[in-house]
């Protein structure tokens, strides 16, 4: 994949939620690299459910921007509690590579223990395993004069290309812009939708 300066990416995060509710929202933000926002998509998912993979696939395939999209970016693989996104399935169904951004190195064994106490453990564990190895990447953001290490997982894309895209999209923070904006929208949405 040749990484263009205005590569179109859709980044996904969830809104804050209350476990007293059954559902929450995921927010997909379409960006041209880290510079220009082209659109926003909302989908409702079940808290601790099994539908986030399906909802992301559905939203990506339905968007009018689909033909221009070159990458799907996720803020972690768990949404709405332990509704675990299967990046392998998302990539296969959308025919797009997937990159997962993680702020801090997760404790995978603790995640497995938590998942083992939940209904559908095997389905959730499969999605966790399909996310693959976690890699560190150092971000040196000259605009905000800050540097640090974040982590990522990937599917259907080379590490070199994934890292180039991550660095290209980290414009105003150490987190790629599509995910930063999805998070901001999700935070605002949670204060409006109860």
N, C-alpha and C. Protein backbone atom coordinates (compact mmCIF):
# COMPACT_ATOMS: atom_id res chain seq x y z
N UNK A 1 0.84 -1.19 0.00
CA UNK A 1 0.00 0.00 0.00
C UNK A 1 0.87 1.24 0.00
N UNK A 2 0.60 2.14 -0.93
CA UNK A 2 1.30 3.43 -0.93
C UNK A 2 0.52 4.37 -0.03
N UNK A 3 1.18 4.93 0.95
CA UNK A 3 0.52 5.82 1.91
C UNK A 3 0.52 7.24 1.37
N UNK A 4 -0.68 7.73 1.01
CA UNK A 4 -0.81 9.10 0.52
C UNK A 4 -0.99 10.06 1.67
N UNK A 5 -0.62 11.31 1.47
CA UNK A 5 -0.71 12.32 2.52
C UNK A 5 -2.15 12.53 2.99
N UNK A 6 -3.12 12.28 2.11
CA UNK A 6 -4.53 12.47 2.49
C UNK A 6 -5.28 11.13 2.50
N UNK A 7 -4.62 10.08 2.95
CA UNK A 7 -5.24 8.76 3.03
C UNK A 7 -6.52 8.86 3.87
N UNK A 8 -7.60 8.26 3.37
CA UNK A 8 -8.88 8.31 4.09
C UNK A 8 -8.98 7.13 5.04
N UNK A 9 -9.28 7.46 6.29
CA UNK A 9 -9.32 6.51 7.40
C UNK A 9 -10.63 6.69 8.14
N UNK A 10 -11.21 5.59 8.60
CA UNK A 10 -12.33 5.70 9.53
C UNK A 10 -11.85 5.18 10.89
N UNK A 11 -11.97 6.02 11.90
CA UNK A 11 -11.54 5.67 13.26
C UNK A 11 -12.74 5.47 14.16
N UNK A 12 -12.73 4.40 14.98
CA UNK A 12 -13.86 4.04 15.84
C UNK A 12 -13.51 4.10 17.32
N UNK A 13 -14.41 4.69 18.10
CA UNK A 13 -14.33 4.68 19.55
C UNK A 13 -15.76 4.53 20.07
N UNK A 14 -15.90 4.26 21.36
CA UNK A 14 -17.25 4.18 21.91
C UNK A 14 -17.53 5.39 22.80
N UNK A 15 -18.81 5.63 23.06
CA UNK A 15 -19.17 6.69 23.99
C UNK A 15 -19.09 6.12 25.41
N UNK A 16 -18.96 7.01 26.37
CA UNK A 16 -19.00 6.56 27.76
C UNK A 16 -20.37 5.94 28.00
N UNK A 17 -20.47 5.02 28.92
CA UNK A 17 -21.74 4.33 29.13
C UNK A 17 -21.92 3.96 30.58
N UNK A 18 -23.15 3.62 30.91
CA UNK A 18 -23.53 3.23 32.25
C UNK A 18 -24.01 1.77 32.17
N UNK A 19 -23.50 0.91 33.03
CA UNK A 19 -23.87 -0.50 32.97
C UNK A 19 -25.35 -0.73 33.31
N UNK A 20 -26.06 0.32 33.77
CA UNK A 20 -27.49 0.17 34.01
C UNK A 20 -28.26 0.18 32.68
N UNK A 21 -27.60 0.63 31.60
CA UNK A 21 -28.21 0.61 30.28
C UNK A 21 -27.81 -0.68 29.56
N UNK A 22 -28.57 -1.01 28.53
CA UNK A 22 -28.26 -2.20 27.74
C UNK A 22 -27.39 -1.88 26.53
N UNK A 23 -27.44 -0.62 26.09
CA UNK A 23 -26.73 -0.25 24.86
C UNK A 23 -25.93 1.02 25.04
N UNK A 24 -25.01 1.21 24.11
CA UNK A 24 -24.24 2.44 24.01
C UNK A 24 -23.96 2.67 22.53
N UNK A 25 -23.19 3.70 22.23
CA UNK A 25 -22.90 4.02 20.84
C UNK A 25 -21.43 3.85 20.52
N UNK A 26 -21.16 3.46 19.27
CA UNK A 26 -19.81 3.57 18.73
C UNK A 26 -19.85 4.70 17.71
N UNK A 27 -18.75 5.40 17.61
CA UNK A 27 -18.65 6.56 16.73
C UNK A 27 -17.53 6.31 15.74
N UNK A 28 -17.86 6.42 14.45
CA UNK A 28 -16.87 6.30 13.39
C UNK A 28 -16.63 7.67 12.78
N UNK A 29 -15.38 8.10 12.78
CA UNK A 29 -15.02 9.41 12.22
C UNK A 29 -14.13 9.19 11.01
N UNK A 30 -14.55 9.76 9.89
CA UNK A 30 -13.79 9.62 8.64
C UNK A 30 -12.90 10.85 8.47
N UNK A 31 -11.61 10.57 8.32
CA UNK A 31 -10.61 11.64 8.21
C UNK A 31 -9.76 11.43 6.98
N UNK A 32 -9.30 12.53 6.43
CA UNK A 32 -8.22 12.49 5.43
C UNK A 32 -6.94 12.64 6.23
N UNK A 33 -6.27 11.53 6.42
CA UNK A 33 -5.09 11.44 7.30
C UNK A 33 -5.47 12.04 8.65
N UNK A 34 -4.73 13.04 9.11
CA UNK A 34 -5.07 13.67 10.39
C UNK A 34 -5.45 15.11 10.20
N UNK A 35 -5.86 15.47 8.99
CA UNK A 35 -6.01 16.88 8.65
C UNK A 35 -7.46 17.35 8.48
N UNK A 36 -8.29 16.55 7.85
CA UNK A 36 -9.61 17.02 7.44
C UNK A 36 -10.66 15.97 7.74
N UNK A 37 -11.71 16.36 8.49
CA UNK A 37 -12.77 15.43 8.80
C UNK A 37 -13.82 15.45 7.70
N UNK A 38 -14.17 14.27 7.19
CA UNK A 38 -15.15 14.15 6.10
C UNK A 38 -16.52 13.65 6.54
N UNK A 39 -16.62 13.03 7.72
CA UNK A 39 -17.92 12.51 8.13
C UNK A 39 -17.88 11.83 9.48
N UNK A 40 -19.10 11.61 10.02
CA UNK A 40 -19.26 10.94 11.31
C UNK A 40 -20.40 9.92 11.18
N UNK A 41 -20.21 8.75 11.76
CA UNK A 41 -21.22 7.69 11.75
C UNK A 41 -21.45 7.22 13.19
N UNK A 42 -22.72 6.95 13.52
CA UNK A 42 -23.06 6.42 14.84
C UNK A 42 -23.75 5.06 14.66
N UNK A 43 -23.41 4.12 15.52
CA UNK A 43 -24.10 2.83 15.56
C UNK A 43 -24.31 2.46 17.03
N UNK A 44 -25.45 1.87 17.30
CA UNK A 44 -25.76 1.42 18.65
C UNK A 44 -25.29 -0.02 18.81
N UNK A 45 -24.64 -0.32 19.94
CA UNK A 45 -24.19 -1.68 20.24
C UNK A 45 -24.66 -2.07 21.64
N UNK A 46 -24.66 -3.36 21.90
CA UNK A 46 -25.04 -3.85 23.23
C UNK A 46 -23.83 -3.85 24.16
N UNK A 47 -24.05 -3.38 25.37
CA UNK A 47 -22.99 -3.39 26.37
C UNK A 47 -22.68 -4.85 26.73
N UNK A 48 -21.41 -5.20 26.69
CA UNK A 48 -20.94 -6.57 26.92
C UNK A 48 -21.55 -7.56 25.92
N UNK A 49 -21.94 -7.06 24.75
CA UNK A 49 -22.60 -7.90 23.75
C UNK A 49 -21.63 -8.54 22.78
N UNK A 50 -22.17 -8.89 21.61
CA UNK A 50 -21.40 -9.59 20.58
C UNK A 50 -21.55 -8.92 19.21
N UNK A 51 -22.03 -7.69 19.17
CA UNK A 51 -22.42 -7.10 17.88
C UNK A 51 -21.50 -6.01 17.35
N UNK A 52 -20.41 -5.67 18.04
CA UNK A 52 -19.58 -4.55 17.57
C UNK A 52 -18.91 -4.86 16.23
N UNK A 53 -18.46 -6.09 16.04
CA UNK A 53 -17.82 -6.47 14.77
C UNK A 53 -18.80 -6.27 13.62
N UNK A 54 -19.99 -6.82 13.78
CA UNK A 54 -21.04 -6.72 12.76
C UNK A 54 -21.43 -5.26 12.49
N UNK A 55 -21.53 -4.45 13.54
CA UNK A 55 -21.96 -3.05 13.38
C UNK A 55 -20.89 -2.22 12.66
N UNK A 56 -19.62 -2.48 12.96
CA UNK A 56 -18.54 -1.76 12.27
C UNK A 56 -18.53 -2.14 10.79
N UNK A 57 -18.63 -3.43 10.50
CA UNK A 57 -18.66 -3.89 9.10
C UNK A 57 -19.83 -3.24 8.36
N UNK A 58 -21.00 -3.30 8.95
CA UNK A 58 -22.21 -2.73 8.35
C UNK A 58 -22.04 -1.24 8.06
N UNK A 59 -21.53 -0.50 9.05
CA UNK A 59 -21.36 0.94 8.90
C UNK A 59 -20.34 1.29 7.81
N UNK A 60 -19.23 0.56 7.78
CA UNK A 60 -18.19 0.83 6.79
C UNK A 60 -18.71 0.56 5.38
N UNK A 61 -19.39 -0.57 5.20
CA UNK A 61 -19.90 -0.92 3.87
C UNK A 61 -21.02 0.01 3.40
N UNK A 62 -21.77 0.58 4.34
CA UNK A 62 -22.89 1.46 3.99
C UNK A 62 -22.49 2.91 3.73
N UNK A 63 -21.35 3.34 4.25
CA UNK A 63 -21.01 4.75 4.13
C UNK A 63 -20.74 5.14 2.68
N UNK A 64 -21.13 6.36 2.34
CA UNK A 64 -20.87 6.86 0.98
C UNK A 64 -19.38 7.05 0.72
N UNK A 65 -18.58 7.01 1.78
CA UNK A 65 -17.13 7.18 1.66
C UNK A 65 -16.39 5.86 1.45
N UNK A 66 -17.13 4.75 1.41
CA UNK A 66 -16.48 3.43 1.39
C UNK A 66 -15.42 3.30 0.29
N UNK A 67 -15.75 3.72 -0.93
CA UNK A 67 -14.81 3.56 -2.04
C UNK A 67 -13.51 4.35 -1.85
N UNK A 68 -13.54 5.36 -0.98
CA UNK A 68 -12.35 6.17 -0.74
C UNK A 68 -11.56 5.73 0.49
N UNK A 69 -12.18 4.91 1.33
CA UNK A 69 -11.51 4.46 2.55
C UNK A 69 -10.35 3.52 2.23
N UNK A 70 -9.26 3.69 2.96
CA UNK A 70 -8.09 2.83 2.79
C UNK A 70 -7.70 2.10 4.07
N UNK A 71 -8.32 2.47 5.21
CA UNK A 71 -7.93 1.87 6.49
C UNK A 71 -9.04 2.06 7.52
N UNK A 72 -9.19 1.05 8.37
CA UNK A 72 -10.05 1.14 9.55
C UNK A 72 -9.14 1.18 10.76
N UNK A 73 -9.41 2.13 11.66
CA UNK A 73 -8.61 2.29 12.87
C UNK A 73 -9.55 2.14 14.07
N UNK A 74 -9.15 1.36 15.05
CA UNK A 74 -9.96 1.15 16.25
C UNK A 74 -9.22 1.63 17.48
N UNK A 75 -9.97 2.18 18.43
CA UNK A 75 -9.42 2.56 19.72
C UNK A 75 -9.56 1.35 20.64
N UNK A 76 -8.58 0.47 20.59
CA UNK A 76 -8.67 -0.79 21.32
C UNK A 76 -9.58 -1.77 20.58
N UNK A 77 -9.78 -2.94 21.17
CA UNK A 77 -10.68 -3.93 20.55
C UNK A 77 -11.94 -4.16 21.37
N UNK A 78 -12.02 -3.55 22.58
CA UNK A 78 -13.21 -3.71 23.40
C UNK A 78 -14.03 -2.43 23.38
N UNK A 79 -15.31 -2.58 23.11
CA UNK A 79 -16.24 -1.46 23.04
C UNK A 79 -17.44 -1.78 23.93
N UNK A 80 -17.98 -0.77 24.59
CA UNK A 80 -19.14 -1.02 25.44
C UNK A 80 -18.89 -2.14 26.42
N UNK A 81 -17.83 -2.01 27.20
CA UNK A 81 -17.45 -3.07 28.12
C UNK A 81 -16.62 -4.11 27.41
N UNK A 82 -17.11 -5.35 27.33
CA UNK A 82 -16.38 -6.43 26.67
C UNK A 82 -17.08 -6.91 25.40
N UNK A 83 -17.55 -5.99 24.60
CA UNK A 83 -18.04 -6.29 23.26
C UNK A 83 -16.78 -6.23 22.39
N UNK A 84 -16.20 -7.38 22.09
CA UNK A 84 -14.85 -7.46 21.50
C UNK A 84 -14.91 -7.48 19.97
N UNK A 85 -14.21 -6.53 19.35
CA UNK A 85 -14.16 -6.45 17.89
C UNK A 85 -13.16 -7.47 17.33
N UNK A 86 -13.58 -8.20 16.32
CA UNK A 86 -12.72 -9.18 15.65
C UNK A 86 -12.13 -8.51 14.41
N UNK A 87 -10.87 -8.06 14.51
CA UNK A 87 -10.28 -7.28 13.43
C UNK A 87 -10.04 -8.11 12.17
N UNK A 88 -9.84 -9.40 12.35
CA UNK A 88 -9.66 -10.28 11.19
C UNK A 88 -10.95 -10.33 10.37
N UNK A 89 -12.07 -10.50 11.04
CA UNK A 89 -13.37 -10.55 10.37
C UNK A 89 -13.72 -9.19 9.75
N UNK A 90 -13.44 -8.12 10.48
CA UNK A 90 -13.72 -6.77 9.95
C UNK A 90 -12.94 -6.55 8.66
N UNK A 91 -11.67 -6.91 8.67
CA UNK A 91 -10.83 -6.72 7.48
C UNK A 91 -11.31 -7.57 6.31
N UNK A 92 -11.64 -8.82 6.58
CA UNK A 92 -12.08 -9.71 5.50
C UNK A 92 -13.39 -9.24 4.87
N UNK A 93 -14.33 -8.81 5.69
CA UNK A 93 -15.64 -8.41 5.19
C UNK A 93 -15.63 -7.05 4.48
N UNK A 94 -14.77 -6.15 4.93
CA UNK A 94 -14.71 -4.81 4.33
C UNK A 94 -13.63 -4.70 3.25
N UNK A 95 -12.72 -5.70 3.22
CA UNK A 95 -11.57 -5.67 2.32
C UNK A 95 -10.66 -4.47 2.59
N UNK A 96 -10.58 -4.08 3.85
CA UNK A 96 -9.72 -2.97 4.27
C UNK A 96 -8.81 -3.44 5.40
N UNK A 97 -7.59 -2.92 5.45
CA UNK A 97 -6.72 -3.24 6.59
C UNK A 97 -7.24 -2.59 7.87
N UNK A 98 -6.87 -3.16 9.00
CA UNK A 98 -7.29 -2.65 10.31
C UNK A 98 -6.06 -2.43 11.17
N UNK A 99 -6.04 -1.27 11.84
CA UNK A 99 -5.00 -0.97 12.83
C UNK A 99 -5.70 -0.60 14.13
N UNK A 100 -5.27 -1.24 15.21
CA UNK A 100 -5.82 -0.99 16.54
C UNK A 100 -4.80 -0.16 17.32
N UNK A 101 -5.27 0.93 17.91
CA UNK A 101 -4.39 1.78 18.72
C UNK A 101 -4.72 1.58 20.19
N UNK A 102 -3.67 1.39 20.99
CA UNK A 102 -3.82 1.15 22.42
C UNK A 102 -2.93 2.15 23.15
N UNK A 103 -3.51 2.89 24.08
CA UNK A 103 -2.73 3.92 24.80
C UNK A 103 -1.69 3.31 25.73
N UNK A 104 -2.09 2.28 26.47
CA UNK A 104 -1.19 1.63 27.43
C UNK A 104 -1.19 0.13 27.19
N UNK A 105 -0.06 -0.49 27.44
CA UNK A 105 0.05 -1.93 27.23
C UNK A 105 -0.96 -2.68 28.11
N UNK A 106 -1.86 -3.43 27.49
CA UNK A 106 -2.88 -4.14 28.28
C UNK A 106 -2.32 -5.40 28.93
N UNK A 107 -2.97 -5.82 29.99
CA UNK A 107 -2.65 -7.08 30.66
C UNK A 107 -3.55 -8.14 30.03
N UNK A 108 -3.02 -8.85 29.03
CA UNK A 108 -3.80 -9.82 28.26
C UNK A 108 -4.30 -10.96 29.14
N UNK A 109 -3.47 -11.41 30.07
CA UNK A 109 -3.90 -12.51 30.95
C UNK A 109 -5.06 -12.08 31.83
N UNK A 110 -5.03 -10.84 32.32
CA UNK A 110 -6.15 -10.33 33.13
C UNK A 110 -7.41 -10.21 32.27
N UNK A 111 -7.25 -9.81 31.01
CA UNK A 111 -8.39 -9.75 30.10
C UNK A 111 -8.99 -11.13 29.90
N UNK A 112 -8.14 -12.13 29.69
CA UNK A 112 -8.62 -13.50 29.49
C UNK A 112 -9.38 -14.00 30.72
N UNK A 113 -8.86 -13.67 31.91
CA UNK A 113 -9.55 -14.09 33.14
C UNK A 113 -10.92 -13.43 33.24
N UNK A 114 -10.99 -12.14 32.90
CA UNK A 114 -12.28 -11.43 32.95
C UNK A 114 -13.25 -12.01 31.93
N UNK A 115 -12.75 -12.29 30.72
CA UNK A 115 -13.60 -12.84 29.67
C UNK A 115 -14.10 -14.24 30.03
N UNK A 116 -13.29 -15.00 30.76
CA UNK A 116 -13.67 -16.38 31.10
C UNK A 116 -14.89 -16.44 32.01
N UNK A 117 -15.23 -15.33 32.65
CA UNK A 117 -16.38 -15.29 33.55
C UNK A 117 -17.65 -14.85 32.83
N UNK A 118 -17.52 -14.58 31.53
CA UNK A 118 -18.64 -14.04 30.78
C UNK A 118 -19.24 -15.06 29.83
N UNK A 119 -20.51 -14.84 29.50
CA UNK A 119 -21.18 -15.65 28.49
C UNK A 119 -20.43 -15.49 27.17
N UNK A 120 -20.35 -16.56 26.39
CA UNK A 120 -19.71 -16.48 25.08
C UNK A 120 -18.21 -16.31 25.15
N UNK A 121 -17.60 -16.91 26.15
CA UNK A 121 -16.15 -16.77 26.35
C UNK A 121 -15.35 -17.13 25.10
N UNK A 122 -15.71 -18.22 24.43
CA UNK A 122 -14.95 -18.69 23.27
C UNK A 122 -14.98 -17.67 22.13
N UNK A 123 -16.13 -17.04 21.92
CA UNK A 123 -16.27 -16.03 20.85
C UNK A 123 -15.39 -14.82 21.16
N UNK A 124 -15.44 -14.37 22.41
CA UNK A 124 -14.66 -13.20 22.82
C UNK A 124 -13.15 -13.52 22.77
N UNK A 125 -12.79 -14.72 23.22
CA UNK A 125 -11.38 -15.12 23.21
C UNK A 125 -10.85 -15.21 21.78
N UNK A 126 -11.65 -15.73 20.86
CA UNK A 126 -11.24 -15.81 19.46
C UNK A 126 -10.93 -14.42 18.91
N UNK A 127 -11.81 -13.46 19.19
CA UNK A 127 -11.60 -12.09 18.72
C UNK A 127 -10.33 -11.50 19.34
N UNK A 128 -10.10 -11.78 20.62
CA UNK A 128 -8.89 -11.30 21.30
C UNK A 128 -7.64 -11.89 20.63
N UNK A 129 -7.67 -13.19 20.33
CA UNK A 129 -6.52 -13.84 19.67
C UNK A 129 -6.33 -13.33 18.25
N UNK A 130 -7.43 -13.07 17.54
CA UNK A 130 -7.33 -12.58 16.15
C UNK A 130 -6.70 -11.19 16.05
N UNK A 131 -6.70 -10.46 17.16
CA UNK A 131 -6.06 -9.13 17.15
C UNK A 131 -4.55 -9.24 17.04
N UNK A 132 -4.01 -10.38 17.42
CA UNK A 132 -2.59 -10.63 17.21
C UNK A 132 -1.65 -9.92 18.17
N UNK A 133 -0.41 -9.89 17.76
CA UNK A 133 0.67 -9.33 18.58
C UNK A 133 0.52 -7.83 18.76
N UNK A 134 0.98 -7.35 19.90
CA UNK A 134 0.96 -5.91 20.20
C UNK A 134 2.36 -5.36 20.01
N UNK A 135 2.45 -4.27 19.24
CA UNK A 135 3.74 -3.64 18.95
C UNK A 135 3.80 -2.24 19.56
N UNK A 136 4.97 -1.83 20.05
CA UNK A 136 5.11 -0.44 20.52
C UNK A 136 5.51 0.47 19.36
N UNK A 137 5.14 1.73 19.47
CA UNK A 137 5.60 2.73 18.50
C UNK A 137 5.85 4.03 19.25
N UNK A 138 7.02 4.63 19.00
CA UNK A 138 7.32 5.92 19.61
C UNK A 138 6.79 7.03 18.71
N UNK A 139 6.04 7.93 19.31
CA UNK A 139 5.50 9.09 18.60
C UNK A 139 6.25 10.31 19.10
N UNK A 140 6.81 11.07 18.16
CA UNK A 140 7.48 12.32 18.49
C UNK A 140 6.72 13.44 17.79
N UNK A 141 5.75 14.02 18.51
CA UNK A 141 4.88 15.02 17.92
C UNK A 141 5.50 16.40 18.10
N UNK A 142 6.01 16.95 17.00
CA UNK A 142 6.70 18.24 17.06
C UNK A 142 5.72 19.41 17.22
N UNK A 143 4.48 19.24 16.78
CA UNK A 143 3.49 20.32 16.90
C UNK A 143 3.17 20.60 18.36
N UNK A 144 2.91 19.52 19.12
CA UNK A 144 2.57 19.72 20.54
C UNK A 144 3.79 19.56 21.45
N UNK A 145 4.95 19.33 20.83
CA UNK A 145 6.22 19.18 21.55
C UNK A 145 6.11 18.11 22.65
N UNK A 146 5.64 16.94 22.22
CA UNK A 146 5.48 15.85 23.15
C UNK A 146 5.86 14.55 22.46
N UNK A 147 6.48 13.64 23.22
CA UNK A 147 6.75 12.33 22.66
C UNK A 147 6.44 11.26 23.68
N UNK A 148 6.16 10.08 23.18
CA UNK A 148 5.81 8.98 24.06
C UNK A 148 5.59 7.72 23.26
N UNK A 149 5.31 6.65 23.97
CA UNK A 149 5.09 5.35 23.33
C UNK A 149 3.62 4.98 23.45
N UNK A 150 3.04 4.58 22.32
CA UNK A 150 1.72 3.97 22.32
C UNK A 150 1.89 2.58 21.70
N UNK A 151 0.81 1.84 21.60
CA UNK A 151 0.89 0.47 21.11
C UNK A 151 -0.13 0.25 20.00
N UNK A 152 0.14 -0.75 19.18
CA UNK A 152 -0.81 -1.02 18.10
C UNK A 152 -0.82 -2.51 17.74
N UNK A 153 -1.93 -2.91 17.14
CA UNK A 153 -2.09 -4.24 16.54
C UNK A 153 -2.53 -4.00 15.10
N UNK A 154 -2.39 -5.01 14.26
CA UNK A 154 -2.72 -4.78 12.85
C UNK A 154 -3.17 -6.07 12.19
N UNK A 155 -3.92 -5.88 11.10
CA UNK A 155 -4.31 -7.01 10.29
C UNK A 155 -4.40 -6.56 8.83
N UNK A 156 -3.78 -7.32 7.93
CA UNK A 156 -3.83 -7.07 6.49
C UNK A 156 -3.07 -5.80 6.07
N UNK A 157 -2.04 -5.46 6.82
CA UNK A 157 -1.19 -4.32 6.50
C UNK A 157 0.20 -4.59 7.10
N UNK A 158 1.23 -4.11 6.44
CA UNK A 158 2.60 -4.28 6.93
C UNK A 158 2.87 -3.30 8.06
N UNK A 159 3.76 -3.70 8.96
CA UNK A 159 4.11 -2.83 10.10
C UNK A 159 4.63 -1.48 9.64
N UNK A 160 5.50 -1.48 8.65
CA UNK A 160 6.07 -0.22 8.17
C UNK A 160 4.98 0.74 7.72
N UNK A 161 4.00 0.23 6.98
CA UNK A 161 2.90 1.06 6.49
C UNK A 161 2.01 1.52 7.63
N UNK A 162 1.72 0.60 8.56
CA UNK A 162 0.90 0.95 9.71
C UNK A 162 1.55 2.07 10.53
N UNK A 163 2.85 1.94 10.74
CA UNK A 163 3.55 2.96 11.53
C UNK A 163 3.60 4.30 10.80
N UNK A 164 3.76 4.26 9.50
CA UNK A 164 3.75 5.50 8.72
C UNK A 164 2.39 6.21 8.86
N UNK A 165 1.31 5.43 8.79
CA UNK A 165 -0.03 6.01 8.92
C UNK A 165 -0.27 6.53 10.33
N UNK A 166 0.15 5.78 11.34
CA UNK A 166 -0.02 6.23 12.73
C UNK A 166 0.69 7.56 12.94
N UNK A 167 1.94 7.65 12.51
CA UNK A 167 2.69 8.90 12.69
C UNK A 167 2.08 10.06 11.90
N UNK A 168 1.61 9.76 10.70
CA UNK A 168 0.99 10.78 9.85
C UNK A 168 -0.27 11.35 10.49
N UNK A 169 -1.01 10.52 11.22
CA UNK A 169 -2.30 10.94 11.78
C UNK A 169 -2.22 11.47 13.21
N UNK A 170 -1.08 11.37 13.86
CA UNK A 170 -0.92 11.92 15.21
C UNK A 170 -0.57 13.41 15.10
N UNK A 171 -1.59 14.23 14.91
CA UNK A 171 -1.38 15.65 14.64
C UNK A 171 -1.43 16.49 15.91
N UNK A 172 -2.47 16.34 16.72
CA UNK A 172 -2.66 17.20 17.89
C UNK A 172 -2.48 16.46 19.22
N UNK A 173 -2.05 15.21 19.16
CA UNK A 173 -1.81 14.45 20.38
C UNK A 173 -0.94 13.24 20.01
N UNK A 174 -0.77 12.34 20.95
CA UNK A 174 -0.05 11.11 20.68
C UNK A 174 -1.00 10.02 20.17
N UNK A 175 -2.26 10.37 19.98
CA UNK A 175 -3.28 9.46 19.47
C UNK A 175 -3.68 9.94 18.08
N UNK A 176 -3.86 9.04 17.12
CA UNK A 176 -4.27 9.46 15.78
C UNK A 176 -5.57 10.28 15.79
N UNK A 177 -5.59 11.28 14.94
CA UNK A 177 -6.70 12.24 14.91
C UNK A 177 -8.08 11.61 14.72
N UNK A 178 -8.26 10.60 13.86
CA UNK A 178 -9.60 10.01 13.75
C UNK A 178 -10.11 9.45 15.08
N UNK A 179 -9.22 8.88 15.88
CA UNK A 179 -9.62 8.33 17.18
C UNK A 179 -9.78 9.42 18.22
N UNK A 180 -8.95 10.44 18.18
CA UNK A 180 -9.06 11.55 19.13
C UNK A 180 -10.42 12.24 18.98
N UNK A 181 -10.81 12.49 17.73
CA UNK A 181 -12.09 13.17 17.48
C UNK A 181 -13.27 12.24 17.80
N UNK A 182 -13.16 10.96 17.47
CA UNK A 182 -14.23 10.01 17.82
C UNK A 182 -14.43 9.97 19.33
N UNK A 183 -13.32 10.04 20.08
CA UNK A 183 -13.39 10.03 21.54
C UNK A 183 -14.07 11.30 22.06
N UNK A 184 -13.72 12.44 21.50
CA UNK A 184 -14.33 13.72 21.92
C UNK A 184 -15.84 13.69 21.66
N UNK A 185 -16.22 13.23 20.47
CA UNK A 185 -17.65 13.14 20.13
C UNK A 185 -18.36 12.17 21.07
N UNK A 186 -17.72 11.03 21.32
CA UNK A 186 -18.31 10.03 22.23
C UNK A 186 -18.49 10.57 23.63
N UNK A 187 -17.54 11.37 24.11
CA UNK A 187 -17.66 11.98 25.44
C UNK A 187 -18.83 12.95 25.49
N UNK A 188 -18.97 13.75 24.43
CA UNK A 188 -20.09 14.69 24.37
C UNK A 188 -21.43 13.99 24.23
N UNK A 189 -21.44 12.93 23.45
CA UNK A 189 -22.67 12.17 23.21
C UNK A 189 -23.19 11.54 24.48
N UNK A 190 -22.29 11.07 25.32
CA UNK A 190 -22.70 10.39 26.55
C UNK A 190 -23.39 11.36 27.53
N UNK A 191 -23.09 12.66 27.43
CA UNK A 191 -23.74 13.62 28.33
C UNK A 191 -25.13 14.01 27.81
N UNK A 192 -25.42 13.71 26.55
CA UNK A 192 -26.71 14.05 25.96
C UNK A 192 -27.66 12.86 25.93
N UNK A 193 -27.12 11.68 25.59
CA UNK A 193 -27.94 10.47 25.45
C UNK A 193 -27.86 9.68 26.75
N UNK A 194 -28.95 9.54 27.41
CA UNK A 194 -28.98 8.78 28.69
C UNK A 194 -29.78 7.51 28.51
